[in-house]
PDB file of all heavy atoms in Angstrom:
ATOM      1  N   ALA A   1      99.169 189.094 141.529  1.00  0.00           N
ATOM      2  CA  ALA A   1      99.495 190.506 141.383  1.00  0.00           C
ATOM      3  C   ALA A   1      98.507 191.346 142.173  1.00  0.00           C
ATOM      4  O   ALA A   1      97.293 191.172 142.030  1.00  0.00           O
ATOM      5  CB  ALA A   1      99.478 190.918 139.914  1.00  0.00           C
ATOM      6  N   ILE A   2      99.036 192.252 142.980  1.00  0.00           N
ATOM      7  CA  ILE A   2      98.203 193.174 143.750  1.00  0.00           C
ATOM      8  C   ILE A   2      98.164 194.515 143.033  1.00  0.00           C
ATOM      9  O   ILE A   2      99.159 194.958 142.462  1.00  0.00           O
ATOM     10  CB  ILE A   2      98.727 193.334 145.194  1.00  0.00           C
ATOM     11  CG1 ILE A   2      97.771 194.175 146.036  1.00  0.00           C
ATOM     12  CG2 ILE A   2     100.143 193.888 145.219  1.00  0.00           C
ATOM     13  CD1 ILE A   2      98.119 194.172 147.531  1.00  0.00           C
ATOM     14  N   SER A   3      97.003 195.143 143.044  1.00  0.00           N
ATOM     15  CA  SER A   3      96.859 196.457 142.426  1.00  0.00           C
ATOM     16  C   SER A   3      95.788 197.225 143.175  1.00  0.00           C
ATOM     17  O   SER A   3      95.026 196.644 143.960  1.00  0.00           O
ATOM     18  CB  SER A   3      96.496 196.325 140.939  1.00  0.00           C
ATOM     19  OG  SER A   3      95.252 195.661 140.784  1.00  0.00           O
ATOM     20  N   LYS A   4      95.749 198.529 142.940  1.00  0.00           N
ATOM     21  CA  LYS A   4      94.711 199.322 143.590  1.00  0.00           C
ATOM     22  C   LYS A   4      94.213 200.402 142.654  1.00  0.00           C
ATOM     23  O   LYS A   4      94.893 200.803 141.706  1.00  0.00           O
ATOM     24  CB  LYS A   4      95.207 199.926 144.898  1.00  0.00           C
ATOM     25  CG  LYS A   4      96.274 201.000 144.754  1.00  0.00           C
ATOM     26  CD  LYS A   4      96.621 201.572 146.131  1.00  0.00           C
ATOM     27  CE  LYS A   4      97.691 202.636 146.013  1.00  0.00           C
ATOM     28  NZ  LYS A   4      98.006 203.254 147.330  1.00  0.00           N
ATOM     29  N   ASP A   5      93.014 200.855 142.929  1.00  0.00           N
ATOM     30  CA  ASP A   5      92.400 201.940 142.184  1.00  0.00           C
ATOM     31  C   ASP A   5      91.865 202.922 143.210  1.00  0.00           C
ATOM     32  O   ASP A   5      90.784 202.714 143.771  1.00  0.00           O
ATOM     33  CB  ASP A   5      91.291 201.399 141.282  1.00  0.00           C
ATOM     34  CG  ASP A   5      90.700 202.458 140.368  1.00  0.00           C
ATOM     35  OD1 ASP A   5      90.785 203.659 140.704  1.00  0.00           O
ATOM     36  OD2 ASP A   5      90.140 202.089 139.334  1.00  0.00           O
ATOM     37  N   GLY A   6      92.632 203.981 143.461  1.00  0.00           N
ATOM     38  CA  GLY A   6      92.233 204.954 144.458  1.00  0.00           C
ATOM     39  C   GLY A   6      90.914 205.627 144.130  1.00  0.00           C
ATOM     40  O   GLY A   6      90.117 205.915 145.022  1.00  0.00           O
ATOM     41  N   ALA A   7      90.675 205.848 142.851  1.00  0.00           N
ATOM     42  CA  ALA A   7      89.431 206.506 142.436  1.00  0.00           C
ATOM     43  C   ALA A   7      88.217 205.656 142.782  1.00  0.00           C
ATOM     44  O   ALA A   7      87.134 206.179 143.061  1.00  0.00           O
ATOM     45  CB  ALA A   7      89.467 206.807 140.950  1.00  0.00           C
ATOM     46  N   LYS A   8      88.395 204.345 142.771  1.00  0.00           N
ATOM     47  CA  LYS A   8      87.296 203.436 143.100  1.00  0.00           C
ATOM     48  C   LYS A   8      87.357 202.970 144.550  1.00  0.00           C
ATOM     49  O   LYS A   8      86.542 202.148 144.971  1.00  0.00           O
ATOM     50  CB  LYS A   8      87.301 202.230 142.161  1.00  0.00           C
ATOM     51  CG  LYS A   8      87.020 202.575 140.709  1.00  0.00           C
ATOM     52  CD  LYS A   8      86.953 201.322 139.853  1.00  0.00           C
ATOM     53  CE  LYS A   8      86.603 201.678 138.412  1.00  0.00           C
ATOM     54  NZ  LYS A   8      86.535 200.476 137.548  1.00  0.00           N
ATOM     55  N   SER A   9      88.379 203.446 145.284  1.00  0.00           N
ATOM     56  CA  SER A   9      88.550 203.033 146.682  1.00  0.00           C
ATOM     57  C   SER A   9      88.586 201.521 146.809  1.00  0.00           C
ATOM     58  O   SER A   9      88.009 200.946 147.741  1.00  0.00           O
ATOM     59  CB  SER A   9      87.434 203.610 147.561  1.00  0.00           C
ATOM     60  OG  SER A   9      87.455 205.021 147.541  1.00  0.00           O
ATOM     61  N   SER A  10      89.266 200.890 145.886  1.00  0.00           N
ATOM     62  CA  SER A  10      89.315 199.430 145.867  1.00  0.00           C
ATOM     63  C   SER A  10      90.724 198.946 145.568  1.00  0.00           C
ATOM     64  O   SER A  10      91.515 199.656 144.932  1.00  0.00           O
ATOM     65  CB  SER A  10      88.368 198.869 144.806  1.00  0.00           C
ATOM     66  OG  SER A  10      87.022 199.180 145.105  1.00  0.00           O
ATOM     67  N   PHE A  11      91.016 197.748 146.031  1.00  0.00           N
ATOM     68  CA  PHE A  11      92.233 197.106 145.584  1.00  0.00           C
ATOM     69  C   PHE A  11      91.951 195.649 145.298  1.00  0.00           C
ATOM     70  O   PHE A  11      90.893 195.119 145.675  1.00  0.00           O
ATOM     71  CB  PHE A  11      93.409 197.331 146.530  1.00  0.00           C
ATOM     72  CG  PHE A  11      93.266 196.859 147.948  1.00  0.00           C
ATOM     73  CD1 PHE A  11      93.853 195.671 148.361  1.00  0.00           C
ATOM     74  CD2 PHE A  11      92.606 197.630 148.901  1.00  0.00           C
ATOM     75  CE1 PHE A  11      93.790 195.255 149.677  1.00  0.00           C
ATOM     76  CE2 PHE A  11      92.523 197.227 150.215  1.00  0.00           C
ATOM     77  CZ  PHE A  11      93.120 196.035 150.608  1.00  0.00           C
ATOM     78  N   TYR A  12      92.898 195.018 144.602  1.00  0.00           N
ATOM     79  CA  TYR A  12      92.618 193.750 143.958  1.00  0.00           C
ATOM     80  C   TYR A  12      93.777 192.768 144.156  1.00  0.00           C
ATOM     81  O   TYR A  12      94.908 193.166 144.389  1.00  0.00           O
ATOM     82  CB  TYR A  12      92.402 193.974 142.445  1.00  0.00           C
ATOM     83  CG  TYR A  12      91.459 195.101 142.144  1.00  0.00           C
ATOM     84  CD1 TYR A  12      91.936 196.387 141.899  1.00  0.00           C
ATOM     85  CD2 TYR A  12      90.081 194.888 142.125  1.00  0.00           C
ATOM     86  CE1 TYR A  12      91.063 197.432 141.646  1.00  0.00           C
ATOM     87  CE2 TYR A  12      89.208 195.930 141.872  1.00  0.00           C
ATOM     88  CZ  TYR A  12      89.704 197.199 141.639  1.00  0.00           C
ATOM     89  OH  TYR A  12      88.837 198.233 141.388  1.00  0.00           O
ATOM     90  N   LEU A  13      93.450 191.505 144.006  1.00  0.00           N
ATOM     91  CA  LEU A  13      94.466 190.468 143.944  1.00  0.00           C
ATOM     92  C   LEU A  13      94.133 189.568 142.766  1.00  0.00           C
ATOM     93  O   LEU A  13      93.145 188.837 142.800  1.00  0.00           O
ATOM     94  CB  LEU A  13      94.526 189.653 145.235  1.00  0.00           C
ATOM     95  CG  LEU A  13      95.658 188.631 145.287  1.00  0.00           C
ATOM     96  CD1 LEU A  13      97.013 189.338 145.334  1.00  0.00           C
ATOM     97  CD2 LEU A  13      95.515 187.701 146.489  1.00  0.00           C
ATOM     98  N   GLN A  14      94.925 189.683 141.726  1.00  0.00           N
ATOM     99  CA  GLN A  14      94.789 188.800 140.579  1.00  0.00           C
ATOM    100  C   GLN A  14      95.586 187.538 140.853  1.00  0.00           C
ATOM    101  O   GLN A  14      96.787 187.606 141.079  1.00  0.00           O
ATOM    102  CB  GLN A  14      95.296 189.481 139.301  1.00  0.00           C
ATOM    103  CG  GLN A  14      95.217 188.622 138.064  1.00  0.00           C
ATOM    104  CD  GLN A  14      93.795 188.321 137.644  1.00  0.00           C
ATOM    105  OE1 GLN A  14      92.940 189.193 137.666  1.00  0.00           O
ATOM    106  NE2 GLN A  14      93.535 187.069 137.264  1.00  0.00           N
ATOM    107  N   MET A  15      94.905 186.414 140.842  1.00  0.00           N
ATOM    108  CA  MET A  15      95.543 185.139 141.168  1.00  0.00           C
ATOM    109  C   MET A  15      95.481 184.233 139.947  1.00  0.00           C
ATOM    110  O   MET A  15      94.395 183.850 139.506  1.00  0.00           O
ATOM    111  CB  MET A  15      94.833 184.477 142.348  1.00  0.00           C
ATOM    112  CG  MET A  15      94.736 185.379 143.572  1.00  0.00           C
ATOM    113  SD  MET A  15      94.106 184.515 145.026  1.00  0.00           S
ATOM    114  CE  MET A  15      92.435 184.145 144.495  1.00  0.00           C
ATOM    115  N   ASN A  16      96.632 183.937 139.398  1.00  0.00           N
ATOM    116  CA  ASN A  16      96.724 183.084 138.217  1.00  0.00           C
ATOM    117  C   ASN A  16      97.383 181.748 138.572  1.00  0.00           C
ATOM    118  O   ASN A  16      98.072 181.635 139.576  1.00  0.00           O
ATOM    119  CB  ASN A  16      97.526 183.788 137.118  1.00  0.00           C
ATOM    120  CG  ASN A  16      96.891 185.081 136.659  1.00  0.00           C
ATOM    121  OD1 ASN A  16      95.669 185.210 136.612  1.00  0.00           O
ATOM    122  ND2 ASN A  16      97.720 186.048 136.316  1.00  0.00           N
ATOM    123  N   THR A  17      97.176 180.797 137.706  1.00  0.00           N
ATOM    124  CA  THR A  17      97.777 179.467 137.881  1.00  0.00           C
ATOM    125  C   THR A  17      97.595 178.966 139.317  1.00  0.00           C
ATOM    126  O   THR A  17      98.539 178.602 140.015  1.00  0.00           O
ATOM    127  CB  THR A  17      99.274 179.491 137.512  1.00  0.00           C
ATOM    128  OG1 THR A  17      99.483 180.297 136.353  1.00  0.00           O
ATOM    129  CG2 THR A  17      99.772 178.077 137.216  1.00  0.00           C
ATOM    130  N   LEU A  18      96.361 178.978 139.744  1.00  0.00           N
ATOM    131  CA  LEU A  18      96.070 178.600 141.124  1.00  0.00           C
ATOM    132  C   LEU A  18      96.428 177.147 141.390  1.00  0.00           C
ATOM    133  O   LEU A  18      96.302 176.276 140.504  1.00  0.00           O
ATOM    134  CB  LEU A  18      94.600 178.865 141.430  1.00  0.00           C
ATOM    135  CG  LEU A  18      94.277 180.337 141.691  1.00  0.00           C
ATOM    136  CD1 LEU A  18      92.795 180.603 141.501  1.00  0.00           C
ATOM    137  CD2 LEU A  18      94.729 180.727 143.078  1.00  0.00           C
ATOM    138  N   ARG A  19      96.852 176.894 142.594  1.00  0.00           N
ATOM    139  CA  ARG A  19      97.265 175.559 143.035  1.00  0.00           C
ATOM    140  C   ARG A  19      96.454 175.163 144.269  1.00  0.00           C
ATOM    141  O   ARG A  19      95.937 176.034 144.977  1.00  0.00           O
ATOM    142  CB  ARG A  19      98.753 175.552 143.388  1.00  0.00           C
ATOM    143  CG  ARG A  19      99.632 176.134 142.305  1.00  0.00           C
ATOM    144  CD  ARG A  19     101.114 176.037 142.574  1.00  0.00           C
ATOM    145  NE  ARG A  19     101.551 176.451 143.892  1.00  0.00           N
ATOM    146  CZ  ARG A  19     102.751 176.960 144.134  1.00  0.00           C
ATOM    147  NH1 ARG A  19     103.610 177.122 143.116  1.00  0.00           N
ATOM    148  NH2 ARG A  19     103.103 177.268 145.355  1.00  0.00           N
ATOM    149  N   PRO A  20      96.354 173.876 144.539  1.00  0.00           N
ATOM    150  CA  PRO A  20      95.599 173.448 145.736  1.00  0.00           C
ATOM    151  C   PRO A  20      96.127 174.085 147.026  1.00  0.00           C
ATOM    152  O   PRO A  20      95.333 174.360 147.938  1.00  0.00           O
ATOM    153  CB  PRO A  20      95.802 171.930 145.743  1.00  0.00           C
ATOM    154  CG  PRO A  20      95.928 171.585 144.298  1.00  0.00           C
ATOM    155  CD  PRO A  20      96.703 172.716 143.689  1.00  0.00           C
ATOM    156  N   ASP A  21      97.431 174.355 147.116  1.00  0.00           N
ATOM    157  CA  ASP A  21      97.937 174.952 148.348  1.00  0.00           C
ATOM    158  C   ASP A  21      97.633 176.446 148.458  1.00  0.00           C
ATOM    159  O   ASP A  21      98.009 177.080 149.449  1.00  0.00           O
ATOM    160  CB  ASP A  21      99.443 174.683 148.520  1.00  0.00           C
ATOM    161  CG  ASP A  21     100.293 175.234 147.405  1.00  0.00           C
ATOM    162  OD1 ASP A  21      99.746 175.799 146.438  1.00  0.00           O
ATOM    163  OD2 ASP A  21     101.531 175.105 147.487  1.00  0.00           O
ATOM    164  N   ASP A  22      96.954 177.012 147.471  1.00  0.00           N
ATOM    165  CA  ASP A  22      96.446 178.378 147.603  1.00  0.00           C
ATOM    166  C   ASP A  22      95.098 178.405 148.318  1.00  0.00           C
ATOM    167  O   ASP A  22      94.575 179.487 148.607  1.00  0.00           O
ATOM    168  CB  ASP A  22      96.281 179.027 146.219  1.00  0.00           C
ATOM    169  CG  ASP A  22      97.600 179.242 145.509  1.00  0.00           C
ATOM    170  OD1 ASP A  22      98.564 179.669 146.158  1.00  0.00           O
ATOM    171  OD2 ASP A  22      97.660 178.970 144.284  1.00  0.00           O
ATOM    172  N   THR A  23      94.533 177.254 148.577  1.00  0.00           N
ATOM    173  CA  THR A  23      93.251 177.166 149.269  1.00  0.00           C
ATOM    174  C   THR A  23      93.352 177.789 150.655  1.00  0.00           C
ATOM    175  O   THR A  23      94.224 177.434 151.446  1.00  0.00           O
ATOM    176  CB  THR A  23      92.799 175.709 149.384  1.00  0.00           C
ATOM    177  OG1 THR A  23      92.563 175.184 148.073  1.00  0.00           O
ATOM    178  CG2 THR A  23      91.522 175.591 150.208  1.00  0.00           C
ATOM    179  N   ALA A  24      92.491 178.750 150.931  1.00  0.00           N
ATOM    180  CA  ALA A  24      92.504 179.457 152.209  1.00  0.00           C
ATOM    181  C   ALA A  24      91.369 180.471 152.213  1.00  0.00           C
ATOM    182  O   ALA A  24      90.706 180.685 151.185  1.00  0.00           O
ATOM    183  CB  ALA A  24      93.830 180.192 152.414  1.00  0.00           C
ATOM    184  N   VAL A  25      91.159 181.084 153.361  1.00  0.00           N
ATOM    185  CA  VAL A  25      90.315 182.275 153.422  1.00  0.00           C
ATOM    186  C   VAL A  25      91.237 183.479 153.228  1.00  0.00           C
ATOM    187  O   VAL A  25      92.264 183.597 153.914  1.00  0.00           O
ATOM    188  CB  VAL A  25      89.565 182.375 154.754  1.00  0.00           C
ATOM    189  CG1 VAL A  25      88.743 183.671 154.797  1.00  0.00           C
ATOM    190  CG2 VAL A  25      88.645 181.167 154.941  1.00  0.00           C
ATOM    191  N   TYR A  26      90.863 184.331 152.293  1.00  0.00           N
ATOM    192  CA  TYR A  26      91.679 185.497 151.958  1.00  0.00           C
ATOM    193  C   TYR A  26      91.036 186.747 152.560  1.00  0.00           C
ATOM    194  O   TYR A  26      89.831 186.967 152.415  1.00  0.00           O
ATOM    195  CB  TYR A  26      91.794 185.650 150.443  1.00  0.00           C
ATOM    196  CG  TYR A  26      92.752 184.658 149.845  1.00  0.00           C
ATOM    197  CD1 TYR A  26      92.422 183.309 149.752  1.00  0.00           C
ATOM    198  CD2 TYR A  26      94.007 185.067 149.381  1.00  0.00           C
ATOM    199  CE1 TYR A  26      93.314 182.386 149.225  1.00  0.00           C
ATOM    200  CE2 TYR A  26      94.903 184.151 148.843  1.00  0.00           C
ATOM    201  CZ  TYR A  26      94.550 182.816 148.773  1.00  0.00           C
ATOM    202  OH  TYR A  26      95.432 181.901 148.247  1.00  0.00           O
ATOM    203  N   TYR A  27      91.877 187.529 153.221  1.00  0.00           N
ATOM    204  CA  TYR A  27      91.434 188.747 153.885  1.00  0.00           C
ATOM    205  C   TYR A  27      92.182 189.943 153.302  1.00  0.00           C
ATOM    206  O   TYR A  27      93.385 189.856 153.035  1.00  0.00           O
ATOM    207  CB  TYR A  27      91.738 188.703 155.378  1.00  0.00           C
ATOM    208  CG  TYR A  27      91.080 187.571 156.125  1.00  0.00           C
ATOM    209  CD1 TYR A  27      91.679 186.312 156.217  1.00  0.00           C
ATOM    210  CD2 TYR A  27      89.862 187.757 156.771  1.00  0.00           C
ATOM    211  CE1 TYR A  27      91.083 185.283 156.913  1.00  0.00           C
ATOM    212  CE2 TYR A  27      89.254 186.726 157.474  1.00  0.00           C
ATOM    213  CZ  TYR A  27      89.872 185.497 157.532  1.00  0.00           C
ATOM    214  OH  TYR A  27      89.281 184.476 158.220  1.00  0.00           O
ATOM    215  N   CYS A  28      91.489 191.053 153.158  1.00  0.00           N
ATOM    216  CA  CYS A  28      92.200 192.274 152.827  1.00  0.00           C
ATOM    217  C   CYS A  28      92.335 193.110 154.094  1.00  0.00           C
ATOM    218  O   CYS A  28      91.500 193.031 155.000  1.00  0.00           O
ATOM    219  CB  CYS A  28      91.507 193.050 151.717  1.00  0.00           C
ATOM    220  SG  CYS A  28      89.810 193.561 152.001  1.00  0.00           S
ATOM    221  N   GLY A  29      93.414 193.889 154.129  1.00  0.00           N
ATOM    222  CA  GLY A  29      93.687 194.691 155.303  1.00  0.00           C
ATOM    223  C   GLY A  29      94.328 196.017 154.917  1.00  0.00           C
ATOM    224  O   GLY A  29      94.967 196.124 153.873  1.00  0.00           O
ATOM    225  N   ALA A  30      94.154 197.002 155.787  1.00  0.00           N
ATOM    226  CA  ALA A  30      94.761 198.322 155.587  1.00  0.00           C
ATOM    227  C   ALA A  30      95.359 198.772 156.906  1.00  0.00           C
ATOM    228  O   ALA A  30      94.709 198.655 157.955  1.00  0.00           O
ATOM    229  CB  ALA A  30      93.716 199.313 155.094  1.00  0.00           C
ATOM    230  N   PHE A  31      96.590 199.269 156.847  1.00  0.00           N
ATOM    231  CA  PHE A  31      97.261 199.649 158.076  1.00  0.00           C
ATOM    232  C   PHE A  31      98.162 200.852 157.850  1.00  0.00           C
ATOM    233  O   PHE A  31      98.767 201.001 156.790  1.00  0.00           O
ATOM    234  CB  PHE A  31      98.072 198.482 158.664  1.00  0.00           C
ATOM    235  CG  PHE A  31      99.090 197.868 157.728  1.00  0.00           C
ATOM    236  CD1 PHE A  31     100.442 198.156 157.869  1.00  0.00           C
ATOM    237  CD2 PHE A  31      98.706 196.975 156.741  1.00  0.00           C
ATOM    238  CE1 PHE A  31     101.383 197.578 157.041  1.00  0.00           C
ATOM    239  CE2 PHE A  31      99.639 196.391 155.892  1.00  0.00           C
ATOM    240  CZ  PHE A  31     100.985 196.696 156.052  1.00  0.00           C
ATOM    241  N   LEU A  32      98.241 201.692 158.873  1.00  0.00           N
ATOM    242  CA  LEU A  32      99.073 202.892 158.792  1.00  0.00           C
ATOM    243  C   LEU A  32     100.518 202.601 159.160  1.00  0.00           C
ATOM    244  O   LEU A  32     101.446 203.069 158.504  1.00  0.00           O
ATOM    245  CB  LEU A  32      98.510 203.980 159.706  1.00  0.00           C
ATOM    246  CG  LEU A  32      97.277 204.736 159.218  1.00  0.00           C
ATOM    247  CD1 LEU A  32      96.757 205.646 160.327  1.00  0.00           C
ATOM    248  CD2 LEU A  32      97.572 205.528 157.962  1.00  0.00           C
ATOM    249  N   TRP A  33     100.702 201.828 160.242  1.00  0.00           N
ATOM    250  CA  TRP A  33     102.049 201.665 160.789  1.00  0.00           C
ATOM    251  C   TRP A  33     102.536 200.255 160.622  1.00  0.00           C
ATOM    252  O   TRP A  33     101.863 199.297 160.974  1.00  0.00           O
ATOM    253  CB  TRP A  33     102.042 202.076 162.262  1.00  0.00           C
ATOM    254  CG  TRP A  33     101.472 203.448 162.450  1.00  0.00           C
ATOM    255  CD1 TRP A  33     100.327 203.785 163.100  1.00  0.00           C
ATOM    256  CD2 TRP A  33     101.993 204.675 161.921  1.00  0.00           C
ATOM    257  NE1 TRP A  33     100.104 205.126 163.013  1.00  0.00           N
ATOM    258  CE2 TRP A  33     101.109 205.704 162.314  1.00  0.00           C
ATOM    259  CE3 TRP A  33     103.116 205.005 161.166  1.00  0.00           C
ATOM    260  CZ2 TRP A  33     101.320 207.043 161.973  1.00  0.00           C
ATOM    261  CZ3 TRP A  33     103.330 206.334 160.828  1.00  0.00           C
ATOM    262  CH2 TRP A  33     102.446 207.333 161.230  1.00  0.00           C
ATOM    263  N   GLY A  34     103.720 200.136 160.110  1.00  0.00           N
ATOM    264  CA  GLY A  34     104.342 198.845 159.879  1.00  0.00           C
ATOM    265  C   GLY A  34     105.397 198.981 158.815  1.00  0.00           C
ATOM    266  O   GLY A  34     105.931 200.076 158.603  1.00  0.00           O
ATOM    267  N   ALA A  35     105.725 197.905 158.154  1.00  0.00           N
ATOM    268  CA  ALA A  35     106.774 197.930 157.138  1.00  0.00           C
ATOM    269  C   ALA A  35     106.353 197.099 155.936  1.00  0.00           C
ATOM    270  O   ALA A  35     105.944 195.940 156.094  1.00  0.00           O
ATOM    271  CB  ALA A  35     108.078 197.381 157.710  1.00  0.00           C
ATOM    272  N   VAL A  36     106.434 197.718 154.776  1.00  0.00           N
ATOM    273  CA  VAL A  36     106.229 196.987 153.527  1.00  0.00           C
ATOM    274  C   VAL A  36     107.452 197.228 152.651  1.00  0.00           C
ATOM    275  O   VAL A  36     107.695 198.345 152.195  1.00  0.00           O
ATOM    276  CB  VAL A  36     104.957 197.432 152.784  1.00  0.00           C
ATOM    277  CG1 VAL A  36     104.816 196.625 151.484  1.00  0.00           C
ATOM    278  CG2 VAL A  36     103.721 197.254 153.649  1.00  0.00           C
ATOM    279  N   LYS A  37     108.223 196.169 152.477  1.00  0.00           N
ATOM    280  CA  LYS A  37     109.385 196.211 151.605  1.00  0.00           C
ATOM    281  C   LYS A  37     109.305 195.000 150.695  1.00  0.00           C
ATOM    282  O   LYS A  37     108.411 194.167 150.839  1.00  0.00           O
ATOM    283  CB  LYS A  37     110.668 196.182 152.444  1.00  0.00           C
ATOM    284  CG  LYS A  37     110.757 197.301 153.459  1.00  0.00           C
ATOM    285  CD  LYS A  37     112.007 197.175 154.311  1.00  0.00           C
ATOM    286  CE  LYS A  37     112.051 198.282 155.369  1.00  0.00           C
ATOM    287  NZ  LYS A  37     113.252 198.177 156.235  1.00  0.00           N
TER     288      LYS A  37
END
């Protein structure tokens, strides 16, 4: 689950029931132009 707190200028990724195939380097990003649907 992704969430954000504008007052804290932070956002989060809650990861539950983790699996071995979730192993990776995780990056956060912010972008003005693109598409999120």
